[in-house]
PDB file of N, CA and C in Angstrom:
ATOM      1  N   MET A   1     231.320  99.783  76.225  1.00  0.00           N
ATOM      2  CA  MET A   1     232.303  98.716  76.162  1.00  0.00           C
ATOM      3  C   MET A   1     233.450  99.165  75.251  1.00  0.00           C
ATOM      4  N   PRO A   2     234.703  98.984  75.651  1.00  0.00           N
ATOM      5  CA  PRO A   2     235.818  99.416  74.801  1.00  0.00           C
ATOM      6  C   PRO A   2     235.932  98.553  73.555  1.00  0.00           C
ATOM      7  N   PRO A   3     236.443  99.115  72.472  1.00  0.00           N
ATOM      8  CA  PRO A   3     236.590  98.308  71.264  1.00  0.00           C
ATOM      9  C   PRO A   3     237.612  97.192  71.464  1.00  0.00           C
ATOM     10  N   ALA A   4     237.373  96.073  70.825  1.00  0.00           N
ATOM     11  CA  ALA A   4     238.303  94.949  70.853  1.00  0.00           C
ATOM     12  C   ALA A   4     239.463  95.249  69.915  1.00  0.00           C
ATOM     13  N   PRO A   5     240.546  94.487  70.035  1.00  0.00           N
ATOM     14  CA  PRO A   5     241.648  94.694  69.102  1.00  0.00           C
ATOM     15  C   PRO A   5     241.184  94.607  67.654  1.00  0.00           C
ATOM     16  N   MET A   6     241.818  95.340  66.796  1.00  0.00           N
ATOM     17  CA  MET A   6     241.569  95.359  65.364  1.00  0.00           C
ATOM     18  C   MET A   6     240.193  95.904  65.018  1.00  0.00           C
ATOM     19  N   GLY A   7     239.668  96.810  65.844  1.00  0.00           N
ATOM     20  CA  GLY A   7     238.462  97.541  65.509  1.00  0.00           C
ATOM     21  C   GLY A   7     237.149  96.815  65.683  1.00  0.00           C
ATOM     22  N   GLU A   8     237.139  95.595  66.202  1.00  0.00           N
ATOM     23  CA  GLU A   8     235.889  94.882  66.406  1.00  0.00           C
ATOM     24  C   GLU A   8     235.208  95.370  67.677  1.00  0.00           C
ATOM     25  N   ARG A   9     233.940  95.096  67.807  1.00  0.00           N
ATOM     26  CA  ARG A   9     233.210  95.432  69.017  1.00  0.00           C
ATOM     27  C   ARG A   9     233.287  94.251  69.973  1.00  0.00           C
ATOM     28  N   ALA A  10     233.724  94.469  71.205  1.00  0.00           N
ATOM     29  CA  ALA A  10     233.936  93.390  72.164  1.00  0.00           C
ATOM     30  C   ALA A  10     232.693  93.110  72.980  1.00  0.00           C
ATOM     31  N   ALA A  11     232.467  91.825  73.286  1.00  0.00           N
ATOM     32  CA  ALA A  11     231.428  91.437  74.232  1.00  0.00           C
ATOM     33  C   ALA A  11     231.965  91.611  75.652  1.00  0.00           C
ATOM     34  N   ALA A  12     233.264  91.426  75.823  1.00  0.00           N
ATOM     35  CA  ALA A  12     233.962  91.647  77.091  1.00  0.00           C
ATOM     36  C   ALA A  12     235.431  91.850  76.769  1.00  0.00           C
ATOM     37  N   ALA A  13     236.096  92.649  77.577  1.00  0.00           N
ATOM     38  CA  ALA A  13     237.512  92.909  77.322  1.00  0.00           C
ATOM     39  C   ALA A  13     238.245  93.109  78.636  1.00  0.00           C
ATOM     40  N   ALA A  14     239.541  92.794  78.632  1.00  0.00           N
ATOM     41  CA  ALA A  14     240.410  93.018  79.787  1.00  0.00           C
ATOM     42  C   ALA A  14     241.737  93.553  79.282  1.00  0.00           C
ATOM     43  N   ARG A  15     242.347  94.434  80.074  1.00  0.00           N
ATOM     44  CA  ARG A  15     243.658  94.985  79.716  1.00  0.00           C
ATOM     45  C   ARG A  15     244.529  94.986  80.957  1.00  0.00           C
ATOM     46  N   ALA A  16     245.783  94.559  80.789  1.00  0.00           N
ATOM     47  CA  ALA A  16     246.767  94.617  81.871  1.00  0.00           C
ATOM     48  C   ALA A  16     247.497  95.944  81.739  1.00  0.00           C
ATOM     49  N   ARG A  17     247.303  96.834  82.709  1.00  0.00           N
ATOM     50  CA  ARG A  17     247.907  98.175  82.637  1.00  0.00           C
ATOM     51  C   ARG A  17     249.421  98.133  82.557  1.00  0.00           C
ATOM     52  N   THR A  18     250.049  97.210  83.276  1.00  0.00           N
ATOM     53  CA  THR A  18     251.503  97.206  83.350  1.00  0.00           C
ATOM     54  C   THR A  18     252.182  96.685  82.090  1.00  0.00           C
ATOM     55  N   THR A  19     251.487  95.851  81.298  1.00  0.00           N
ATOM     56  CA  THR A  19     252.106  95.276  80.103  1.00  0.00           C
ATOM     57  C   THR A  19     251.438  95.716  78.808  1.00  0.00           C
ATOM     58  N   GLY A  20     250.216  96.243  78.906  1.00  0.00           N
ATOM     59  CA  GLY A  20     249.465  96.585  77.703  1.00  0.00           C
ATOM     60  C   GLY A  20     248.802  95.385  77.055  1.00  0.00           C
ATOM     61  N   SER A  21     248.907  94.211  77.663  1.00  0.00           N
ATOM     62  CA  SER A  21     248.270  93.015  77.121  1.00  0.00           C
ATOM     63  C   SER A  21     246.758  93.174  77.162  1.00  0.00           C
ATOM     64  N   VAL A  22     246.078  92.614  76.166  1.00  0.00           N
ATOM     65  CA  VAL A  22     244.620  92.681  76.118  1.00  0.00           C
ATOM     66  C   VAL A  22     244.050  91.320  75.748  1.00  0.00           C
ATOM     67  N   ALA A  23     242.835  91.087  76.194  1.00  0.00           N
ATOM     68  CA  ALA A  23     242.050  89.928  75.785  1.00  0.00           C
ATOM     69  C   ALA A  23     240.635  90.437  75.575  1.00  0.00           C
ATOM     70  N   ALA A  24     240.001  89.982  74.502  1.00  0.00           N
ATOM     71  CA  ALA A  24     238.640  90.421  74.207  1.00  0.00           C
ATOM     72  C   ALA A  24     237.834  89.262  73.654  1.00  0.00           C
ATOM     73  N   LEU A  25     236.573  89.223  74.039  1.00  0.00           N
ATOM     74  CA  LEU A  25     235.620  88.274  73.474  1.00  0.00           C
ATOM     75  C   LEU A  25     234.789  89.035  72.457  1.00  0.00           C
ATOM     76  N   ALA A  26     234.696  88.511  71.249  1.00  0.00           N
ATOM     77  CA  ALA A  26     233.912  89.165  70.204  1.00  0.00           C
ATOM     78  C   ALA A  26     232.933  88.157  69.617  1.00  0.00           C
ATOM     79  N   PRO A  27     231.707  88.585  69.315  1.00  0.00           N
ATOM     80  CA  PRO A  27     230.738  87.679  68.701  1.00  0.00           C
ATOM     81  C   PRO A  27     231.264  87.143  67.370  1.00  0.00           C
ATOM     82  N   ASP A  28     231.019  85.854  67.153  1.00  0.00           N
ATOM     83  CA  ASP A  28     231.396  85.190  65.905  1.00  0.00           C
ATOM     84  C   ASP A  28     230.283  84.205  65.588  1.00  0.00           C
ATOM     85  N   GLY A  29     229.217  84.699  64.960  1.00  0.00           N
ATOM     86  CA  GLY A  29     228.033  83.873  64.739  1.00  0.00           C
ATOM     87  C   GLY A  29     227.363  83.595  66.063  1.00  0.00           C
ATOM     88  N   ASP A  30     227.141  82.316  66.375  1.00  0.00           N
ATOM     89  CA  ASP A  30     226.504  81.954  67.648  1.00  0.00           C
ATOM     90  C   ASP A  30     227.543  81.609  68.720  1.00  0.00           C
ATOM     91  N   ARG A  31     228.802  81.947  68.467  1.00  0.00           N
ATOM     92  CA  ARG A  31     229.878  81.682  69.415  1.00  0.00           C
ATOM     93  C   ARG A  31     230.590  82.983  69.760  1.00  0.00           C
ATOM     94  N   LEU A  32     231.518  82.917  70.707  1.00  0.00           N
ATOM     95  CA  LEU A  32     232.390  84.039  71.029  1.00  0.00           C
ATOM     96  C   LEU A  32     233.815  83.662  70.668  1.00  0.00           C
ATOM     97  N   ARG A  33     234.526  84.584  70.066  1.00  0.00           N
ATOM     98  CA  ARG A  33     235.914  84.366  69.677  1.00  0.00           C
ATOM     99  C   ARG A  33     236.810  85.167  70.617  1.00  0.00           C
ATOM    100  N   VAL A  34     237.902  84.562  71.066  1.00  0.00           N
ATOM    101  CA  VAL A  34     238.865  85.225  71.942  1.00  0.00           C
ATOM    102  C   VAL A  34     239.980  85.792  71.093  1.00  0.00           C
ATOM    103  N   ARG A  35     240.292  87.076  71.334  1.00  0.00           N
ATOM    104  CA  ARG A  35     241.446  87.729  70.703  1.00  0.00           C
ATOM    105  C   ARG A  35     242.386  88.158  71.813  1.00  0.00           C
ATOM    106  N   GLN A  36     243.670  87.870  71.658  1.00  0.00           N
ATOM    107  CA  GLN A  36     244.666  88.239  72.650  1.00  0.00           C
ATOM    108  C   GLN A  36     245.820  88.962  71.969  1.00  0.00           C
ATOM    109  N   ALA A  37     246.385  89.922  72.663  1.00  0.00           N
ATOM    110  CA  ALA A  37     247.552  90.643  72.152  1.00  0.00           C
ATOM    111  C   ALA A  37     248.412  91.068  73.332  1.00  0.00           C
ATOM    112  N   GLY A  38     249.702  91.185  73.089  1.00  0.00           N
ATOM    113  CA  GLY A  38     250.632  91.616  74.123  1.00  0.00           C
ATOM    114  C   GLY A  38     251.430  90.461  74.686  1.00  0.00           C
ATOM    115  N   PRO A  39     252.357  90.767  75.592  1.00  0.00           N
ATOM    116  CA  PRO A  39     253.259  89.744  76.114  1.00  0.00           C
ATOM    117  C   PRO A  39     252.591  88.724  77.044  1.00  0.00           C
ATOM    118  N   LEU A  40     251.484  89.085  77.692  1.00  0.00           N
ATOM    119  CA  LEU A  40     250.753  88.145  78.553  1.00  0.00           C
ATOM    120  C   LEU A  40     249.532  87.635  77.817  1.00  0.00           C
ATOM    121  N   ARG A  41     249.279  86.347  77.893  1.00  0.00           N
ATOM    122  CA  ARG A  41     248.085  85.754  77.294  1.00  0.00           C
ATOM    123  C   ARG A  41     247.015  85.750  78.384  1.00  0.00           C
ATOM    124  N   LEU A  42     246.275  86.866  78.515  1.00  0.00           N
ATOM    125  CA  LEU A  42     245.354  87.057  79.637  1.00  0.00           C
ATOM    126  C   LEU A  42     244.262  85.995  79.700  1.00  0.00           C
ATOM    127  N   TRP A  43     243.665  85.670  78.573  1.00  0.00           N
ATOM    128  CA  TRP A  43     242.575  84.678  78.570  1.00  0.00           C
ATOM    129  C   TRP A  43     243.121  83.309  78.974  1.00  0.00           C
ATOM    130  N   ASP A  44     244.277  82.933  78.422  1.00  0.00           N
ATOM    131  CA  ASP A  44     244.886  81.651  78.775  1.00  0.00           C
ATOM    132  C   ASP A  44     245.177  81.594  80.267  1.00  0.00           C
ATOM    133  N   ARG A  45     245.678  82.695  80.829  1.00  0.00           N
ATOM    134  CA  ARG A  45     245.996  82.751  82.259  1.00  0.00           C
ATOM    135  C   ARG A  45     244.729  82.627  83.100  1.00  0.00           C
ATOM    136  N   ALA A  46     243.664  83.317  82.693  1.00  0.00           N
ATOM    137  CA  ALA A  46     242.397  83.231  83.429  1.00  0.00           C
ATOM    138  C   ALA A  46     241.872  81.798  83.431  1.00  0.00           C
ATOM    139  N   GLU A  47     241.925  81.127  82.289  1.00  0.00           N
ATOM    140  CA  GLU A  47     241.472  79.733  82.230  1.00  0.00           C
ATOM    141  C   GLU A  47     242.319  78.835  83.129  1.00  0.00           C
ATOM    142  N   GLU A  48     243.634  79.051  83.130  1.00  0.00           N
ATOM    143  CA  GLU A  48     244.541  78.263  83.968  1.00  0.00           C
ATOM    144  C   GLU A  48     244.173  78.410  85.446  1.00  0.00           C
ATOM    145  N   VAL A  49     243.949  79.642  85.892  1.00  0.00           N
ATOM    146  CA  VAL A  49     243.635  79.897  87.299  1.00  0.00           C
ATOM    147  C   VAL A  49     242.254  79.348  87.654  1.00  0.00           C
ATOM    148  N   LEU A  50     241.263  79.528  86.787  1.00  0.00           N
ATOM    149  CA  LEU A  50     239.919  79.002  87.064  1.00  0.00           C
ATOM    150  C   LEU A  50     239.917  77.475  87.105  1.00  0.00           C
ATOM    151  N   ASP A  51     240.651  76.832  86.195  1.00  0.00           N
ATOM    152  CA  ASP A  51     240.749  75.366  86.231  1.00  0.00           C
ATOM    153  C   ASP A  51     241.408  74.900  87.527  1.00  0.00           C
ATOM    154  N   ALA A  52     242.500  75.570  87.943  1.00  0.00           N
ATOM    155  CA  ALA A  52     243.189  75.206  89.176  1.00  0.00           C
ATOM    156  C   ALA A  52     242.280  75.413  90.390  1.00  0.00           C
ATOM    157  N   HIS A  53     241.458  76.462  90.368  1.00  0.00           N
ATOM    158  CA  HIS A  53     240.512  76.727  91.453  1.00  0.00           C
ATOM    159  C   HIS A  53     239.514  75.578  91.567  1.00  0.00           C
ATOM    160  N   ALA A  54     239.026  75.101  90.442  1.00  0.00           N
ATOM    161  CA  ALA A  54     238.085  73.977  90.453  1.00  0.00           C
ATOM    162  C   ALA A  54     238.754  72.704  90.971  1.00  0.00           C
ATOM    163  N   VAL A  55     239.965  72.412  90.494  1.00  0.00           N
ATOM    164  CA  VAL A  55     240.698  71.220  90.933  1.00  0.00           C
ATOM    165  C   VAL A  55     240.984  71.279  92.434  1.00  0.00           C
ATOM    166  N   ALA A  56     241.234  72.467  92.965  1.00  0.00           N
ATOM    167  CA  ALA A  56     241.513  72.636  94.399  1.00  0.00           C
ATOM    168  C   ALA A  56     240.247  72.576  95.243  1.00  0.00           C
ATOM    169  N   GLY A  57     239.100  72.360  94.611  1.00  0.00           N
ATOM    170  CA  GLY A  57     237.848  72.228  95.360  1.00  0.00           C
ATOM    171  C   GLY A  57     237.138  73.540  95.622  1.00  0.00           C
ATOM    172  N   HIS A  58     237.381  74.539  94.792  1.00  0.00           N
ATOM    173  CA  HIS A  58     236.739  75.862  94.914  1.00  0.00           C
ATOM    174  C   HIS A  58     236.957  76.479  96.294  1.00  0.00           C
ATOM    175  N   PRO A  59     238.224  76.634  96.704  1.00  0.00           N
ATOM    176  CA  PRO A  59     238.480  77.192  98.043  1.00  0.00           C
ATOM    177  C   PRO A  59     237.950  78.617  98.179  1.00  0.00           C
ATOM    178  N   GLY A  60     237.519  78.957  99.382  1.00  0.00           N
ATOM    179  CA  GLY A  60     237.023  80.294  99.676  1.00  0.00           C
ATOM    180  C   GLY A  60     238.166  81.269  99.925  1.00  0.00           C
ATOM    181  N   PRO A  61     237.837  82.546 100.091  1.00  0.00           N
ATOM    182  CA  PRO A  61     238.860  83.569 100.254  1.00  0.00           C
ATOM    183  C   PRO A  61     239.760  83.350 101.474  1.00  0.00           C
ATOM    184  N   GLU A  62     239.249  82.694 102.495  1.00  0.00           N
ATOM    185  CA  GLU A  62     240.046  82.467 103.700  1.00  0.00           C
ATOM    186  C   GLU A  62     241.225  81.516 103.447  1.00  0.00           C
ATOM    187  N   ALA A  63     241.221  80.794 102.346  1.00  0.00           N
ATOM    188  CA  ALA A  63     242.285  79.839 102.032  1.00  0.00           C
ATOM    189  C   ALA A  63     243.456  80.485 101.290  1.00  0.00           C
ATOM    190  N   PHE A  64     243.344  81.757 100.943  1.00  0.00           N
ATOM    191  CA  PHE A  64     244.366  82.443 100.165  1.00  0.00           C
ATOM    192  C   PHE A  64     245.200  83.365 101.050  1.00  0.00           C
ATOM    193  N   ARG A  65     246.417  83.642 100.585  1.00  0.00           N
ATOM    194  CA  ARG A  65     247.296  84.588 101.263  1.00  0.00           C
ATOM    195  C   ARG A  65     247.689  85.665 100.252  1.00  0.00           C
ATOM    196  N   LEU A  66     247.552  86.923 100.629  1.00  0.00           N
ATOM    197  CA  LEU A  66     247.905  88.051  99.770  1.00  0.00           C
ATOM    198  C   LEU A  66     249.115  88.751 100.349  1.00  0.00           C
ATOM    199  N   THR A  67     250.148  88.922  99.519  1.00  0.00           N
ATOM    200  CA  THR A  67     251.328  89.680  99.942  1.00  0.00           C
ATOM    201  C   THR A  67     251.595  90.770  98.916  1.00  0.00           C
ATOM    202  N   VAL A  68     252.260  91.825  99.377  1.00  0.00           N
ATOM    203  CA  VAL A  68     252.686  92.915  98.505  1.00  0.00           C
ATOM    204  C   VAL A  68     254.178  93.077  98.713  1.00  0.00           C
ATOM    205  N   ASP A  69     254.939  93.002  97.607  1.00  0.00           N
ATOM    206  CA  ASP A  69     256.389  93.107  97.749  1.00  0.00           C
ATOM    207  C   ASP A  69     256.834  94.571  97.722  1.00  0.00           C
ATOM    208  N   ALA A  70     258.137  94.790  97.879  1.00  0.00           N
ATOM    209  CA  ALA A  70     258.687  96.144  97.953  1.00  0.00           C
ATOM    210  C   ALA A  70     258.471  96.939  96.667  1.00  0.00           C
ATOM    211  N   ALA A  71     258.312  96.251  95.540  1.00  0.00           N
ATOM    212  CA  ALA A  71     258.093  96.934  94.258  1.00  0.00           C
ATOM    213  C   ALA A  71     256.614  97.264  94.028  1.00  0.00           C
ATOM    214  N   GLY A  72     255.745  96.853  94.950  1.00  0.00           N
ATOM    215  CA  GLY A  72     254.326  97.143  94.823  1.00  0.00           C
ATOM    216  C   GLY A  72     253.528  96.071  94.102  1.00  0.00           C
ATOM    217  N   GLN A  73     254.154  94.941  93.782  1.00  0.00           N
ATOM    218  CA  GLN A  73     253.407  93.857  93.149  1.00  0.00           C
ATOM    219  C   GLN A  73     252.635  93.080  94.199  1.00  0.00           C
ATOM    220  N   HIS A  74     251.398  92.722  93.858  1.00  0.00           N
ATOM    221  CA  HIS A  74     250.538  91.928  94.724  1.00  0.00           C
ATOM    222  C   HIS A  74     250.627  90.471  94.267  1.00  0.00           C
ATOM    223  N   HIS A  75     250.685  89.557  95.243  1.00  0.00           N
ATOM    224  CA  HIS A  75     250.783  88.134  94.944  1.00  0.00           C
ATOM    225  C   HIS A  75     249.704  87.410  95.746  1.00  0.00           C
ATOM    226  N   LEU A  76     248.781  86.778  95.045  1.00  0.00           N
ATOM    227  CA  LEU A  76     247.717  86.005  95.681  1.00  0.00           C
ATOM    228  C   LEU A  76     248.109  84.536  95.592  1.00  0.00           C
ATOM    229  N   ARG A  77     248.238  83.888  96.765  1.00  0.00           N
ATOM    230  CA  ARG A  77     248.763  82.529  96.808  1.00  0.00           C
ATOM    231  C   ARG A  77     247.781  81.553  97.458  1.00  0.00           C
ATOM    232  N   HIS A  78     247.800  80.346  96.929  1.00  0.00           N
ATOM    233  CA  HIS A  78     247.095  79.201  97.494  1.00  0.00           C
ATOM    234  C   HIS A  78     248.005  78.004  97.236  1.00  0.00           C
ATOM    235  N   PRO A  79     248.139  77.077  98.184  1.00  0.00           N
ATOM    236  CA  PRO A  79     249.100  75.986  98.016  1.00  0.00           C
ATOM    237  C   PRO A  79     248.837  75.067  96.818  1.00  0.00           C
ATOM    238  N   GLU A  80     247.610  75.023  96.313  1.00  0.00           N
ATOM    239  CA  GLU A  80     247.284  74.123  95.211  1.00  0.00           C
ATOM    240  C   GLU A  80     247.012  74.847  93.893  1.00  0.00           C
ATOM    241  N   MET A  81     247.357  76.134  93.839  1.00  0.00           N
ATOM    242  CA  MET A  81     247.044  76.916  92.640  1.00  0.00           C
ATOM    243  C   MET A  81     248.244  77.752  92.212  1.00  0.00           C
ATOM    244  N   PRO A  82     248.279  78.158  90.932  1.00  0.00           N
ATOM    245  CA  PRO A  82     249.350  79.058  90.508  1.00  0.00           C
ATOM    246  C   PRO A  82     249.197  80.416  91.190  1.00  0.00           C
ATOM    247  N   VAL A  83     250.310  81.078  91.424  1.00  0.00           N
ATOM    248  CA  VAL A  83     250.291  82.415  92.035  1.00  0.00           C
ATOM    249  C   VAL A  83     249.727  83.404  91.023  1.00  0.00           C
ATOM    250  N   VAL A  84     248.835  84.277  91.483  1.00  0.00           N
ATOM    251  CA  VAL A  84     248.292  85.345  90.648  1.00  0.00           C
ATOM    252  C   VAL A  84     248.979  86.629  91.087  1.00  0.00           C
ATOM    253  N   THR A  85     249.608  87.335  90.142  1.00  0.00           N
ATOM    254  CA  THR A  85     250.369  88.544  90.443  1.00  0.00           C
ATOM    255  C   THR A  85     249.822  89.710  89.632  1.00  0.00           C
ATOM    256  N   TRP A  86     249.733  90.870  90.279  1.00  0.00           N
ATOM    257  CA  TRP A  86     249.335  92.092  89.586  1.00  0.00           C
ATOM    258  C   TRP A  86     249.937  93.286  90.295  1.00  0.00           C
ATOM    259  N   GLY A  87     249.894  94.413  89.657  1.00  0.00           N
ATOM    260  CA  GLY A  87     250.383  95.648  90.257  1.00  0.00           C
ATOM    261  C   GLY A  87     251.630  96.150  89.551  1.00  0.00           C
ATOM    262  N   ALA A  88     252.347  97.008  90.226  1.00  0.00           N
ATOM    263  CA  ALA A  88     253.528  97.651  89.660  1.00  0.00           C
ATOM    264  C   ALA A  88     254.585  96.620  89.293  1.00  0.00           C
ATOM    265  N   ARG A  89     255.237  96.838  88.165  1.00  0.00           N
ATOM    266  CA  ARG A  89     256.340  95.969  87.771  1.00  0.00           C
ATOM    267  C   ARG A  89     257.603  96.396  88.520  1.00  0.00           C
ATOM    268  N   PRO A  90     258.452  95.419  88.843  1.00  0.00           N
ATOM    269  CA  PRO A  90     259.704  95.789  89.510  1.00  0.00           C
ATOM    270  C   PRO A  90     260.563  96.649  88.582  1.00  0.00           C
ATOM    271  N   CYS A  91     261.311  97.569  89.169  1.00  0.00           N
ATOM    272  CA  CYS A  91     262.196  98.440  88.384  1.00  0.00           C
ATOM    273  C   CYS A  91     263.512  97.755  88.094  1.00  0.00           C
TER     274      CYS A  91
END
């Protein structure tokens, strides 16, 4: 498992390659603490998308549309959820 920000050992971690943003879960007694760094708040974004997925009734993959733009960014869309974007940043 990769180290969490500031030298802690992470229980789970995520990094956005295009921005360098990171989110890590680290043990804190009997709880987990979230640490975030960089321009994107990855953990906050994940919670936003998961909450929207639940509110939309947990739609299956057939309800989503995936597009890739000319700059190589991928956009996952559902009419009742925020757009999820990843991939190359536009130049």
